[in-house]
Amino acid sequence: MSSDSHPFRTLTPEFVMDAVESQGYLCDCRTLGLNSYENRVYQVGIEGEAPLVAKFYRPERWSDAQILEEHRFCFELVEHELPVVAPLVNEQGDSLFSFGGFRFALYPRKGGHAPELDNLQNLLILGRLMGRIHSVGALHPFIERPRLDSRSFGHDAVAVVSERFVPAEFKSHYDLLTRDLLQGIEEVMDRVGHVRYIRTHGDCHAGNILWRDGGPHFVDFDDARMAPAVQDLWMMLSGDRASKTEQLCEILDGYTEFNHFDPRELQLIEALRSLRILHFTAWLALRWEDPAFAPSFPWFNTPRYWGDHILEIREQIAALQEPALQV
């Protein structure tokens, strides 16, 4: 598929407004594309009312059942008075709509800014909130949504990159190093043994947290899946080992006010980081025909990118050998 024929090309402002108006709203002709790549998200002005956010799902990524399971998780969190931006529901009780071959959902617009993750007080607050979210996430499992595992995020990602995308001059190094990295990931997971998998946000980086009214609001549960609790914590850590340890202590101090945390999961942090790195490269490669990707990620698929990626894999192999963070 060429970028010119990609389905998202049809999402013109007129199409977006027509879709929103199909749900009974009257648009005021103001549309603004928001920062999103997997799906397409727009702020849409509404006559006499606050703007809405319209999210158009990428075709063939999630089934209707998987999307609705994400929505129900958000509704459940809101019922527990947690600051989560959940989709709007129409008079028939529907939250997932169809228009012109696309599935979409509507959300209230919520302002805010990314949290300052180097602020330890903010991390304490985020830990408390995540502990509450996970207490709800542990009540019952996702049935339709997948698990975060080394097969889909690791082995499958490596296979598609090796077979279809990595340049020939880098392929032997890529294949050898990813083999060693995947083996290291499996060894860590085997050593840790069974841990509890719960419903998680799944993609808990600063861009999916809005800081407003003195606290965080979580948005975009599109990657929600069954995973260990630490999956929603490790992306809040940054800096050197001493900094990460200090940050982790604050997060877990808040988390354990509301929920138990299994300290064995700390051994999974670098394995989960490694899987995210492998998955991200495959994600970029598989989405490259999307017209938004080349201008947004101009550094991808260049010789420098592949050289840096191979170096990153080497660093992760070494990171898996280091002692896990402790609190």
C-alpha atoms as a PDB file:
ATOM      1  CA  MET A   1       0.000   0.000   0.000  1.00  0.00           C
ATOM      2  CA  SER A   2       1.398   3.416  -0.956  1.00  0.00           C
ATOM      3  CA  SER A   3       1.089   6.403   1.349  1.00  0.00           C
ATOM      4  CA  ASP A   4      -1.171   8.084  -1.227  1.00  0.00           C
ATOM      5  CA  SER A   5      -3.748   5.283  -0.938  1.00  0.00           C
ATOM      6  CA  HIS A   6      -3.554   4.849   2.850  1.00  0.00           C
ATOM      7  CA  PRO A   7      -7.036   4.839   4.461  1.00  0.00           C
ATOM      8  CA  PHE A   8      -6.148   7.735   6.768  1.00  0.00           C
ATOM      9  CA  ARG A   9      -5.856   9.956   3.679  1.00  0.00           C
ATOM     10  CA  THR A  10      -9.671  10.097   3.607  1.00  0.00           C
ATOM     11  CA  LEU A  11      -9.829  11.738   7.042  1.00  0.00           C
ATOM     12  CA  THR A  12     -10.289  15.284   5.784  1.00  0.00           C
ATOM     13  CA  PRO A  13     -11.732  17.984   8.086  1.00  0.00           C
ATOM     14  CA  GLU A  14     -15.061  17.610   6.300  1.00  0.00           C
ATOM     15  CA  PHE A  15     -15.088  13.846   6.882  1.00  0.00           C
ATOM     16  CA  VAL A  16     -14.200  14.280  10.550  1.00  0.00           C
ATOM     17  CA  MET A  17     -16.980  16.815  11.105  1.00  0.00           C
ATOM     18  CA  ASP A  18     -19.504  14.643   9.264  1.00  0.00           C
ATOM     19  CA  ALA A  19     -18.581  11.710  11.499  1.00  0.00           C
ATOM     20  CA  VAL A  20     -19.002  13.765  14.667  1.00  0.00           C
ATOM     21  CA  GLU A  21     -22.311  15.221  13.437  1.00  0.00           C
ATOM     22  CA  SER A  22     -23.570  11.681  12.764  1.00  0.00           C
ATOM     23  CA  GLN A  23     -23.779  11.415  16.563  1.00  0.00           C
ATOM     24  CA  GLY A  24     -26.050  14.434  16.887  1.00  0.00           C
ATOM     25  CA  TYR A  25     -23.523  17.232  17.422  1.00  0.00           C
ATOM     26  CA  LEU A  26     -23.279  20.455  15.393  1.00  0.00           C
ATOM     27  CA  CYS A  27     -19.694  21.310  14.515  1.00  0.00           C
ATOM     28  CA  ASP A  28     -18.482  24.899  14.243  1.00  0.00           C
ATOM     29  CA  CYS A  29     -15.975  24.113  11.444  1.00  0.00           C
ATOM     30  CA  ARG A  30     -12.911  24.147  13.715  1.00  0.00           C
ATOM     31  CA  THR A  31     -10.815  20.976  13.623  1.00  0.00           C
ATOM     32  CA  LEU A  32      -7.309  20.481  14.961  1.00  0.00           C
ATOM     33  CA  GLY A  33      -5.215  17.368  14.473  1.00  0.00           C
ATOM     34  CA  LEU A  34      -3.678  16.198  17.747  1.00  0.00           C
ATOM     35  CA  ASN A  35      -0.433  14.323  18.296  1.00  0.00           C
ATOM     36  CA  SER A  36      -1.222  10.682  17.523  1.00  0.00           C
ATOM     37  CA  TYR A  37       0.301   8.144  15.149  1.00  0.00           C
ATOM     38  CA  GLU A  38      -1.279   4.750  15.783  1.00  0.00           C
ATOM     39  CA  ASN A  39      -4.738   6.242  15.403  1.00  0.00           C
ATOM     40  CA  ARG A  40      -5.925   9.685  14.266  1.00  0.00           C
ATOM     41  CA  VAL A  41      -7.180  12.091  16.904  1.00  0.00           C
ATOM     42  CA  TYR A  42      -8.805  15.495  16.336  1.00  0.00           C
ATOM     43  CA  GLN A  43     -10.140  18.284  18.481  1.00  0.00           C
ATOM     44  CA  VAL A  44     -13.465  19.304  16.990  1.00  0.00           C
ATOM     45  CA  GLY A  45     -15.299  22.527  17.827  1.00  0.00           C
ATOM     46  CA  ILE A  46     -18.985  22.151  18.770  1.00  0.00           C
ATOM     47  CA  GLU A  47     -21.552  24.947  18.415  1.00  0.00           C
ATOM     48  CA  GLY A  48     -22.377  26.402  21.810  1.00  0.00           C
ATOM     49  CA  GLU A  49     -20.479  23.689  23.706  1.00  0.00           C
ATOM     50  CA  ALA A  50     -16.958  22.731  24.677  1.00  0.00           C
ATOM     51  CA  PRO A  51     -14.915  21.062  21.928  1.00  0.00           C
ATOM     52  CA  LEU A  52     -14.809  17.276  21.689  1.00  0.00           C
ATOM     53  CA  VAL A  53     -11.943  14.948  20.860  1.00  0.00           C
ATOM     54  CA  ALA A  54     -12.639  12.426  18.100  1.00  0.00           C
ATOM     55  CA  LYS A  55     -10.452   9.325  17.909  1.00  0.00           C
ATOM     56  CA  PHE A  56     -10.489   7.331  14.655  1.00  0.00           C
ATOM     57  CA  TYR A  57      -9.097   3.836  15.123  1.00  0.00           C
ATOM     58  CA  ARG A  58      -6.490   2.375  12.801  1.00  0.00           C
ATOM     59  CA  PRO A  59      -8.254  -0.163  10.574  1.00  0.00           C
ATOM     60  CA  GLU A  60      -7.633  -3.842  11.347  1.00  0.00           C
ATOM     61  CA  ARG A  61      -5.615  -3.241  14.514  1.00  0.00           C
ATOM     62  CA  TRP A  62      -8.180  -4.025  17.219  1.00  0.00           C
ATOM     63  CA  SER A  63     -11.464  -5.879  16.931  1.00  0.00           C
ATOM     64  CA  ASP A  64     -14.670  -4.202  18.096  1.00  0.00           C
ATOM     65  CA  ALA A  65     -14.638  -6.481  21.144  1.00  0.00           C
ATOM     66  CA  GLN A  66     -11.092  -5.419  22.048  1.00  0.00           C
ATOM     67  CA  ILE A  67     -11.911  -1.715  21.720  1.00  0.00           C
ATOM     68  CA  LEU A  68     -15.069  -2.066  23.794  1.00  0.00           C
ATOM     69  CA  GLU A  69     -13.135  -3.944  26.468  1.00  0.00           C
ATOM     70  CA  GLU A  70     -10.768  -0.967  26.706  1.00  0.00           C
ATOM     71  CA  HIS A  71     -13.778   1.366  27.010  1.00  0.00           C
ATOM     72  CA  ARG A  72     -15.310  -0.744  29.773  1.00  0.00           C
ATOM     73  CA  PHE A  73     -12.038  -0.640  31.700  1.00  0.00           C
ATOM     74  CA  CYS A  74     -12.071   3.162  31.504  1.00  0.00           C
ATOM     75  CA  PHE A  75     -15.701   3.294  32.653  1.00  0.00           C
ATOM     76  CA  GLU A  76     -14.864   1.005  35.557  1.00  0.00           C
ATOM     77  CA  LEU A  77     -11.995   3.266  36.614  1.00  0.00           C
ATOM     78  CA  VAL A  78     -14.252   6.333  36.452  1.00  0.00           C
ATOM     79  CA  GLU A  79     -16.839   4.535  38.589  1.00  0.00           C
ATOM     80  CA  HIS A  80     -14.101   4.196  41.213  1.00  0.00           C
ATOM     81  CA  GLU A  81     -13.598   7.981  41.018  1.00  0.00           C
ATOM     82  CA  LEU A  82     -10.219   7.748  39.316  1.00  0.00           C
ATOM     83  CA  PRO A  83      -9.064  10.616  37.036  1.00  0.00           C
ATOM     84  CA  VAL A  84      -9.267   8.815  33.703  1.00  0.00           C
ATOM     85  CA  VAL A  85     -10.552  10.395  30.487  1.00  0.00           C
ATOM     86  CA  ALA A  86     -13.177   7.896  29.319  1.00  0.00           C
ATOM     87  CA  PRO A  87     -15.128   7.912  26.034  1.00  0.00           C
ATOM     88  CA  LEU A  88     -18.546   9.513  25.809  1.00  0.00           C
ATOM     89  CA  VAL A  89     -21.650   7.344  25.608  1.00  0.00           C
ATOM     90  CA  ASN A  90     -24.729   8.154  23.499  1.00  0.00           C
ATOM     91  CA  GLU A  91     -28.364   7.748  24.545  1.00  0.00           C
ATOM     92  CA  GLN A  92     -28.304   4.114  23.417  1.00  0.00           C
ATOM     93  CA  GLY A  93     -25.338   3.366  25.667  1.00  0.00           C
ATOM     94  CA  ASP A  94     -22.863   3.051  22.775  1.00  0.00           C
ATOM     95  CA  SER A  95     -19.291   4.336  22.955  1.00  0.00           C
ATOM     96  CA  LEU A  96     -17.933   2.970  19.659  1.00  0.00           C
ATOM     97  CA  PHE A  97     -19.339   4.399  16.444  1.00  0.00           C
ATOM     98  CA  SER A  98     -18.921   3.788  12.702  1.00  0.00           C
ATOM     99  CA  PHE A  99     -18.818   6.239   9.835  1.00  0.00           C
ATOM    100  CA  GLY A 100     -17.548   5.933   6.272  1.00  0.00           C
ATOM    101  CA  GLY A 101     -15.680   2.696   6.967  1.00  0.00           C
ATOM    102  CA  PHE A 102     -13.986   3.975  10.146  1.00  0.00           C
ATOM    103  CA  ARG A 103     -14.642   3.204  13.782  1.00  0.00           C
ATOM    104  CA  PHE A 104     -14.365   6.144  16.133  1.00  0.00           C
ATOM    105  CA  ALA A 105     -15.006   7.282  19.688  1.00  0.00           C
ATOM    106  CA  LEU A 106     -15.659  10.699  21.186  1.00  0.00           C
ATOM    107  CA  TYR A 107     -14.067  12.097  24.339  1.00  0.00           C
ATOM    108  CA  PRO A 108     -14.446  15.265  26.387  1.00  0.00           C
ATOM    109  CA  ARG A 109     -11.545  17.624  25.863  1.00  0.00           C
ATOM    110  CA  LYS A 110      -9.333  17.848  28.930  1.00  0.00           C
ATOM    111  CA  GLY A 111      -6.500  20.329  29.105  1.00  0.00           C
ATOM    112  CA  GLY A 112      -3.259  19.834  30.947  1.00  0.00           C
ATOM    113  CA  HIS A 113       0.482  19.431  30.535  1.00  0.00           C
ATOM    114  CA  ALA A 114       2.945  16.576  30.803  1.00  0.00           C
ATOM    115  CA  PRO A 115       4.017  15.867  34.386  1.00  0.00           C
ATOM    116  CA  GLU A 116       7.467  16.784  35.635  1.00  0.00           C
ATOM    117  CA  LEU A 117       8.781  13.307  36.315  1.00  0.00           C
ATOM    118  CA  ASP A 118      11.937  14.635  37.931  1.00  0.00           C
ATOM    119  CA  ASN A 119       9.738  16.062  40.715  1.00  0.00           C
ATOM    120  CA  LEU A 120       9.669  13.463  43.486  1.00  0.00           C
ATOM    121  CA  GLN A 121       6.382  14.774  44.900  1.00  0.00           C
ATOM    122  CA  ASN A 122       4.772  14.253  41.497  1.00  0.00           C
ATOM    123  CA  LEU A 123       6.073  10.684  41.430  1.00  0.00           C
ATOM    124  CA  LEU A 124       4.597  10.028  44.861  1.00  0.00           C
ATOM    125  CA  ILE A 125       1.204  11.250  43.610  1.00  0.00           C
ATOM    126  CA  LEU A 126       1.503   9.157  40.446  1.00  0.00           C
ATOM    127  CA  GLY A 127       2.405   6.109  42.515  1.00  0.00           C
ATOM    128  CA  ARG A 128      -0.703   6.532  44.655  1.00  0.00           C
ATOM    129  CA  LEU A 129      -2.905   6.879  41.594  1.00  0.00           C
ATOM    130  CA  MET A 130      -1.329   3.905  39.844  1.00  0.00           C
ATOM    131  CA  GLY A 131      -1.812   1.793  42.950  1.00  0.00           C
ATOM    132  CA  ARG A 132      -5.526   2.621  42.867  1.00  0.00           C
ATOM    133  CA  ILE A 133      -5.779   1.968  39.124  1.00  0.00           C
ATOM    134  CA  HIS A 134      -4.105  -1.411  39.529  1.00  0.00           C
ATOM    135  CA  SER A 135      -6.375  -2.361  42.412  1.00  0.00           C
ATOM    136  CA  VAL A 136      -9.241  -2.038  39.934  1.00  0.00           C
ATOM    137  CA  GLY A 137      -7.229  -3.667  37.146  1.00  0.00           C
ATOM    138  CA  ALA A 138      -6.700  -6.744  39.314  1.00  0.00           C
ATOM    139  CA  LEU A 139     -10.415  -7.314  39.956  1.00  0.00           C
ATOM    140  CA  HIS A 140     -10.837  -9.410  36.804  1.00  0.00           C
ATOM    141  CA  PRO A 141      -8.845 -10.009  33.594  1.00  0.00           C
ATOM    142  CA  PHE A 142      -9.165  -8.809  30.043  1.00  0.00           C
ATOM    143  CA  ILE A 143     -10.703 -11.547  27.924  1.00  0.00           C
ATOM    144  CA  GLU A 144     -10.306 -10.059  24.442  1.00  0.00           C
ATOM    145  CA  ARG A 145      -7.140  -7.999  24.834  1.00  0.00           C
ATOM    146  CA  PRO A 146      -3.699  -9.641  24.606  1.00  0.00           C
ATOM    147  CA  ARG A 147      -0.933 -10.199  27.134  1.00  0.00           C
ATOM    148  CA  LEU A 148       2.383  -8.412  26.976  1.00  0.00           C
ATOM    149  CA  ASP A 149       4.786 -11.269  26.310  1.00  0.00           C
ATOM    150  CA  SER A 150       8.137 -11.996  24.752  1.00  0.00           C
ATOM    151  CA  ARG A 151       6.522 -13.686  21.752  1.00  0.00           C
ATOM    152  CA  SER A 152       4.511 -10.784  20.357  1.00  0.00           C
ATOM    153  CA  PHE A 153       6.719  -7.904  21.561  1.00  0.00           C
ATOM    154  CA  GLY A 154      10.027  -9.708  21.059  1.00  0.00           C
ATOM    155  CA  HIS A 155      10.285 -12.730  18.781  1.00  0.00           C
ATOM    156  CA  ASP A 156       7.566 -11.623  16.329  1.00  0.00           C
ATOM    157  CA  ALA A 157       8.945  -8.078  16.204  1.00  0.00           C
ATOM    158  CA  VAL A 158      12.473  -9.285  15.507  1.00  0.00           C
ATOM    159  CA  ALA A 159      11.285 -11.698  12.824  1.00  0.00           C
ATOM    160  CA  VAL A 160       9.451  -9.050  10.817  1.00  0.00           C
ATOM    161  CA  VAL A 161      12.337  -6.561  11.038  1.00  0.00           C
ATOM    162  CA  SER A 162      14.953  -9.161  10.113  1.00  0.00           C
ATOM    163  CA  GLU A 163      12.991 -10.582   7.198  1.00  0.00           C
ATOM    164  CA  ARG A 164      11.671  -7.382   5.665  1.00  0.00           C
ATOM    165  CA  PHE A 165      13.386  -4.214   6.851  1.00  0.00           C
ATOM    166  CA  VAL A 166      16.903  -4.309   8.273  1.00  0.00           C
ATOM    167  CA  PRO A 167      19.475  -3.408   5.576  1.00  0.00           C
ATOM    168  CA  ALA A 168      21.739  -6.209   4.373  1.00  0.00           C
ATOM    169  CA  GLU A 169      24.893  -4.630   5.807  1.00  0.00           C
ATOM    170  CA  PHE A 170      23.387  -4.686   9.304  1.00  0.00           C
ATOM    171  CA  LYS A 171      21.437  -7.953   9.143  1.00  0.00           C
ATOM    172  CA  SER A 172      24.059 -10.361  10.509  1.00  0.00           C
ATOM    173  CA  HIS A 173      24.764  -8.145  13.514  1.00  0.00           C
ATOM    174  CA  TYR A 174      21.059  -7.565  14.078  1.00  0.00           C
ATOM    175  CA  ASP A 175      20.212 -11.263  13.946  1.00  0.00           C
ATOM    176  CA  LEU A 176      23.069 -12.265  16.271  1.00  0.00           C
ATOM    177  CA  LEU A 177      22.444  -9.544  18.854  1.00  0.00           C
ATOM    178  CA  THR A 178      18.663  -9.877  18.938  1.00  0.00           C
ATOM    179  CA  ARG A 179      19.073 -13.628  19.419  1.00  0.00           C
ATOM    180  CA  ASP A 180      21.250 -12.955  22.471  1.00  0.00           C
ATOM    181  CA  LEU A 181      18.891 -10.254  23.761  1.00  0.00           C
ATOM    182  CA  LEU A 182      15.818 -12.469  23.431  1.00  0.00           C
ATOM    183  CA  GLN A 183      17.652 -15.279  25.198  1.00  0.00           C
ATOM    184  CA  GLY A 184      18.532 -12.882  28.008  1.00  0.00           C
ATOM    185  CA  ILE A 185      14.927 -11.730  28.291  1.00  0.00           C
ATOM    186  CA  GLU A 186      13.705 -15.315  28.522  1.00  0.00           C
ATOM    187  CA  GLU A 187      16.305 -16.125  31.184  1.00  0.00           C
ATOM    188  CA  VAL A 188      15.192 -13.167  33.303  1.00  0.00           C
ATOM    189  CA  MET A 189      11.536 -14.120  32.990  1.00  0.00           C
ATOM    190  CA  ASP A 190      12.300 -17.731  33.862  1.00  0.00           C
ATOM    191  CA  ARG A 191      14.351 -16.653  36.866  1.00  0.00           C
ATOM    192  CA  VAL A 192      11.589 -14.394  38.193  1.00  0.00           C
ATOM    193  CA  GLY A 193       8.978 -17.083  37.712  1.00  0.00           C
ATOM    194  CA  HIS A 194       5.228 -16.581  37.916  1.00  0.00           C
ATOM    195  CA  VAL A 195       4.041 -13.028  38.564  1.00  0.00           C
ATOM    196  CA  ARG A 196       0.513 -11.708  38.593  1.00  0.00           C
ATOM    197  CA  TYR A 197      -0.767 -10.274  35.311  1.00  0.00           C
ATOM    198  CA  ILE A 198      -3.418  -7.574  35.657  1.00  0.00           C
ATOM    199  CA  ARG A 199      -5.203  -5.097  33.424  1.00  0.00           C
ATOM    200  CA  THR A 200      -2.755  -2.231  32.846  1.00  0.00           C
ATOM    201  CA  HIS A 201      -2.616   1.031  30.939  1.00  0.00           C
ATOM    202  CA  GLY A 202       0.218  -0.552  28.981  1.00  0.00           C
ATOM    203  CA  ASP A 203       1.826   2.626  27.611  1.00  0.00           C
ATOM    204  CA  CYS A 204       2.311   4.768  30.670  1.00  0.00           C
ATOM    205  CA  HIS A 205       4.716   7.452  29.447  1.00  0.00           C
ATOM    206  CA  ALA A 206       4.525  11.174  30.196  1.00  0.00           C
ATOM    207  CA  GLY A 207       2.634  11.915  26.963  1.00  0.00           C
ATOM    208  CA  ASN A 208      -0.333   9.880  28.210  1.00  0.00           C
ATOM    209  CA  ILE A 209      -0.547  11.735  31.526  1.00  0.00           C
ATOM    210  CA  LEU A 210      -2.142  15.194  31.729  1.00  0.00           C
ATOM    211  CA  TRP A 211      -1.292  17.233  34.812  1.00  0.00           C
ATOM    212  CA  ARG A 212      -4.211  19.503  35.674  1.00  0.00           C
ATOM    213  CA  ASP A 213      -6.053  20.704  38.792  1.00  0.00           C
ATOM    214  CA  GLY A 214      -2.994  19.819  40.858  1.00  0.00           C
ATOM    215  CA  GLY A 215      -2.835  16.182  39.833  1.00  0.00           C
ATOM    216  CA  PRO A 216      -2.576  13.660  36.980  1.00  0.00           C
ATOM    217  CA  HIS A 217      -5.261  12.490  34.569  1.00  0.00           C
ATOM    218  CA  PHE A 218      -4.601   9.398  32.466  1.00  0.00           C
ATOM    219  CA  VAL A 219      -5.542   9.349  28.788  1.00  0.00           C
ATOM    220  CA  ASP A 220      -5.235   6.958  25.848  1.00  0.00           C
ATOM    221  CA  PHE A 221      -5.750   3.401  27.055  1.00  0.00           C
ATOM    222  CA  ASP A 222      -5.379   2.176  23.463  1.00  0.00           C
ATOM    223  CA  ASP A 223      -2.485  -0.119  24.432  1.00  0.00           C
ATOM    224  CA  ALA A 224      -4.188  -1.508  27.539  1.00  0.00           C
ATOM    225  CA  ARG A 225      -3.366  -5.194  28.008  1.00  0.00           C
ATOM    226  CA  MET A 226      -2.624  -7.853  30.587  1.00  0.00           C
ATOM    227  CA  ALA A 227       0.849  -7.257  32.020  1.00  0.00           C
ATOM    228  CA  PRO A 228       2.801  -7.211  35.280  1.00  0.00           C
ATOM    229  CA  ALA A 229       2.107  -4.114  37.382  1.00  0.00           C
ATOM    230  CA  VAL A 230       5.670  -2.854  36.885  1.00  0.00           C
ATOM    231  CA  GLN A 231       4.911  -2.270  33.185  1.00  0.00           C
ATOM    232  CA  ASP A 232       3.012   0.868  34.229  1.00  0.00           C
ATOM    233  CA  LEU A 233       5.799   2.065  36.522  1.00  0.00           C
ATOM    234  CA  TRP A 234       9.169   1.676  34.808  1.00  0.00           C
ATOM    235  CA  MET A 235       8.545   4.276  32.088  1.00  0.00           C
ATOM    236  CA  MET A 236       8.377   6.964  34.794  1.00  0.00           C
ATOM    237  CA  LEU A 237      12.057   6.333  35.646  1.00  0.00           C
ATOM    238  CA  SER A 238      14.950   8.207  34.052  1.00  0.00           C
ATOM    239  CA  GLY A 239      18.567   9.151  34.598  1.00  0.00           C
ATOM    240  CA  ASP A 240      21.352   7.162  36.204  1.00  0.00           C
ATOM    241  CA  ARG A 241      20.916   4.252  38.597  1.00  0.00           C
ATOM    242  CA  ALA A 242      20.928   6.440  41.703  1.00  0.00           C
ATOM    243  CA  SER A 243      18.253   8.717  40.229  1.00  0.00           C
ATOM    244  CA  LYS A 244      16.091   5.784  39.141  1.00  0.00           C
ATOM    245  CA  THR A 245      16.352   4.244  42.607  1.00  0.00           C
ATOM    246  CA  GLU A 246      15.269   7.487  44.273  1.00  0.00           C
ATOM    247  CA  GLN A 247      12.386   7.888  41.818  1.00  0.00           C
ATOM    248  CA  LEU A 248      11.302   4.276  42.255  1.00  0.00           C
ATOM    249  CA  CYS A 249      11.234   4.656  46.039  1.00  0.00           C
ATOM    250  CA  GLU A 250       8.832   7.594  45.732  1.00  0.00           C
ATOM    251  CA  ILE A 251       6.586   5.789  43.250  1.00  0.00           C
ATOM    252  CA  LEU A 252       6.373   2.664  45.385  1.00  0.00           C
ATOM    253  CA  ASP A 253       5.872   4.653  48.586  1.00  0.00           C
ATOM    254  CA  GLY A 254       2.717   6.034  46.999  1.00  0.00           C
ATOM    255  CA  TYR A 255       1.743   2.789  45.259  1.00  0.00           C
ATOM    256  CA  THR A 256       1.872   0.665  48.399  1.00  0.00           C
ATOM    257  CA  GLU A 257      -0.464   3.017  50.251  1.00  0.00           C
ATOM    258  CA  PHE A 258      -3.238   1.503  48.109  1.00  0.00           C
ATOM    259  CA  ASN A 259      -1.928  -1.753  46.681  1.00  0.00           C
ATOM    260  CA  HIS A 260       0.589  -4.530  47.261  1.00  0.00           C
ATOM    261  CA  PHE A 261       3.630  -4.577  44.972  1.00  0.00           C
ATOM    262  CA  ASP A 262       5.583  -7.763  44.373  1.00  0.00           C
ATOM    263  CA  PRO A 263       9.273  -6.723  44.567  1.00  0.00           C
ATOM    264  CA  ARG A 264      10.266  -9.611  42.289  1.00  0.00           C
ATOM    265  CA  GLU A 265       8.781  -7.590  39.425  1.00  0.00           C
ATOM    266  CA  LEU A 266      11.671  -5.116  39.675  1.00  0.00           C
ATOM    267  CA  GLN A 267      13.821  -7.773  38.014  1.00  0.00           C
ATOM    268  CA  LEU A 268      11.597  -7.457  34.919  1.00  0.00           C
ATOM    269  CA  ILE A 269      12.257  -3.770  34.251  1.00  0.00           C
ATOM    270  CA  GLU A 270      15.142  -4.154  31.803  1.00  0.00           C
ATOM    271  CA  ALA A 271      13.470  -7.127  30.117  1.00  0.00           C
ATOM    272  CA  LEU A 272      10.325  -5.038  29.573  1.00  0.00           C
ATOM    273  CA  ARG A 273      12.405  -2.082  28.365  1.00  0.00           C
ATOM    274  CA  SER A 274      14.166  -4.411  25.899  1.00  0.00           C
ATOM    275  CA  LEU A 275      10.851  -5.703  24.564  1.00  0.00           C
ATOM    276  CA  ARG A 276       9.603  -2.150  24.088  1.00  0.00           C
ATOM    277  CA  ILE A 277      12.735  -1.246  22.101  1.00  0.00           C
ATOM    278  CA  LEU A 278      12.336  -4.262  19.794  1.00  0.00           C
ATOM    279  CA  HIS A 279       8.615  -3.680  19.399  1.00  0.00           C
ATOM    280  CA  PHE A 280       9.035   0.024  18.651  1.00  0.00           C
ATOM    281  CA  THR A 281      11.343  -0.644  15.705  1.00  0.00           C
ATOM    282  CA  ALA A 282       8.922  -3.190  14.261  1.00  0.00           C
ATOM    283  CA  TRP A 283       6.035  -0.756  14.833  1.00  0.00           C
ATOM    284  CA  LEU A 284       7.825   1.982  12.873  1.00  0.00           C
ATOM    285  CA  ALA A 285       8.678  -0.416  10.067  1.00  0.00           C
ATOM    286  CA  LEU A 286       5.168  -1.831   9.731  1.00  0.00           C
ATOM    287  CA  ARG A 287       3.594   1.656   9.766  1.00  0.00           C
ATOM    288  CA  TRP A 288       6.013   3.243   7.297  1.00  0.00           C
ATOM    289  CA  GLU A 289       3.417   3.534   4.520  1.00  0.00           C
ATOM    290  CA  ASP A 290       1.250   5.654   6.802  1.00  0.00           C
ATOM    291  CA  PRO A 291       1.607   9.218   5.440  1.00  0.00           C
ATOM    292  CA  ALA A 292       2.203  10.636   8.931  1.00  0.00           C
ATOM    293  CA  PHE A 293       5.268   8.534   9.674  1.00  0.00           C
ATOM    294  CA  ALA A 294       7.973   9.640   7.227  1.00  0.00           C
ATOM    295  CA  PRO A 295       7.723  13.354   8.112  1.00  0.00           C
ATOM    296  CA  SER A 296       7.395  12.579  11.836  1.00  0.00           C
ATOM    297  CA  PHE A 297      10.240  10.059  12.039  1.00  0.00           C
ATOM    298  CA  PRO A 298      12.673  11.203   9.315  1.00  0.00           C
ATOM    299  CA  TRP A 299      15.600   9.539  11.094  1.00  0.00           C
ATOM    300  CA  PHE A 300      14.102   6.055  10.777  1.00  0.00           C
ATOM    301  CA  ASN A 301      15.537   3.513   8.314  1.00  0.00           C
ATOM    302  CA  THR A 302      18.754   5.470   7.788  1.00  0.00           C
ATOM    303  CA  PRO A 303      22.216   3.904   8.215  1.00  0.00           C
ATOM    304  CA  ARG A 304      22.687   5.972  11.358  1.00  0.00           C
ATOM    305  CA  TYR A 305      19.397   4.688  12.787  1.00  0.00           C
ATOM    306  CA  TRP A 306      20.333   1.044  12.291  1.00  0.00           C
ATOM    307  CA  GLY A 307      23.788   1.609  13.730  1.00  0.00           C
ATOM    308  CA  ASP A 308      22.319   3.304  16.798  1.00  0.00           C
ATOM    309  CA  HIS A 309      19.653   0.605  17.141  1.00  0.00           C
ATOM    310  CA  ILE A 310      22.274  -2.159  17.137  1.00  0.00           C
ATOM    311  CA  LEU A 311      24.255  -0.244  19.772  1.00  0.00           C
ATOM    312  CA  GLU A 312      21.063   0.076  21.836  1.00  0.00           C
ATOM    313  CA  ILE A 313      20.553  -3.690  21.637  1.00  0.00           C
ATOM    314  CA  ARG A 314      24.132  -4.243  22.852  1.00  0.00           C
ATOM    315  CA  GLU A 315      23.471  -1.915  25.783  1.00  0.00           C
ATOM    316  CA  GLN A 316      20.314  -3.800  26.689  1.00  0.00           C
ATOM    317  CA  ILE A 317      22.138  -7.128  26.661  1.00  0.00           C
ATOM    318  CA  ALA A 318      24.539  -5.606  29.196  1.00  0.00           C
ATOM    319  CA  ALA A 319      21.686  -4.061  31.210  1.00  0.00           C
ATOM    320  CA  LEU A 320      20.068  -7.486  31.631  1.00  0.00           C
ATOM    321  CA  GLN A 321      23.237  -8.664  33.366  1.00  0.00           C
ATOM    322  CA  GLU A 322      23.197  -5.879  35.952  1.00  0.00           C
ATOM    323  CA  PRO A 323      21.530  -6.243  39.351  1.00  0.00           C
ATOM    324  CA  ALA A 324      17.892  -5.153  39.389  1.00  0.00           C
ATOM    325  CA  LEU A 325      16.901  -1.887  41.021  1.00  0.00           C
ATOM    326  CA  GLN A 326      16.154  -2.272  44.715  1.00  0.00           C
ATOM    327  CA  VAL A 327      14.128  -0.187  47.150  1.00  0.00           C
END
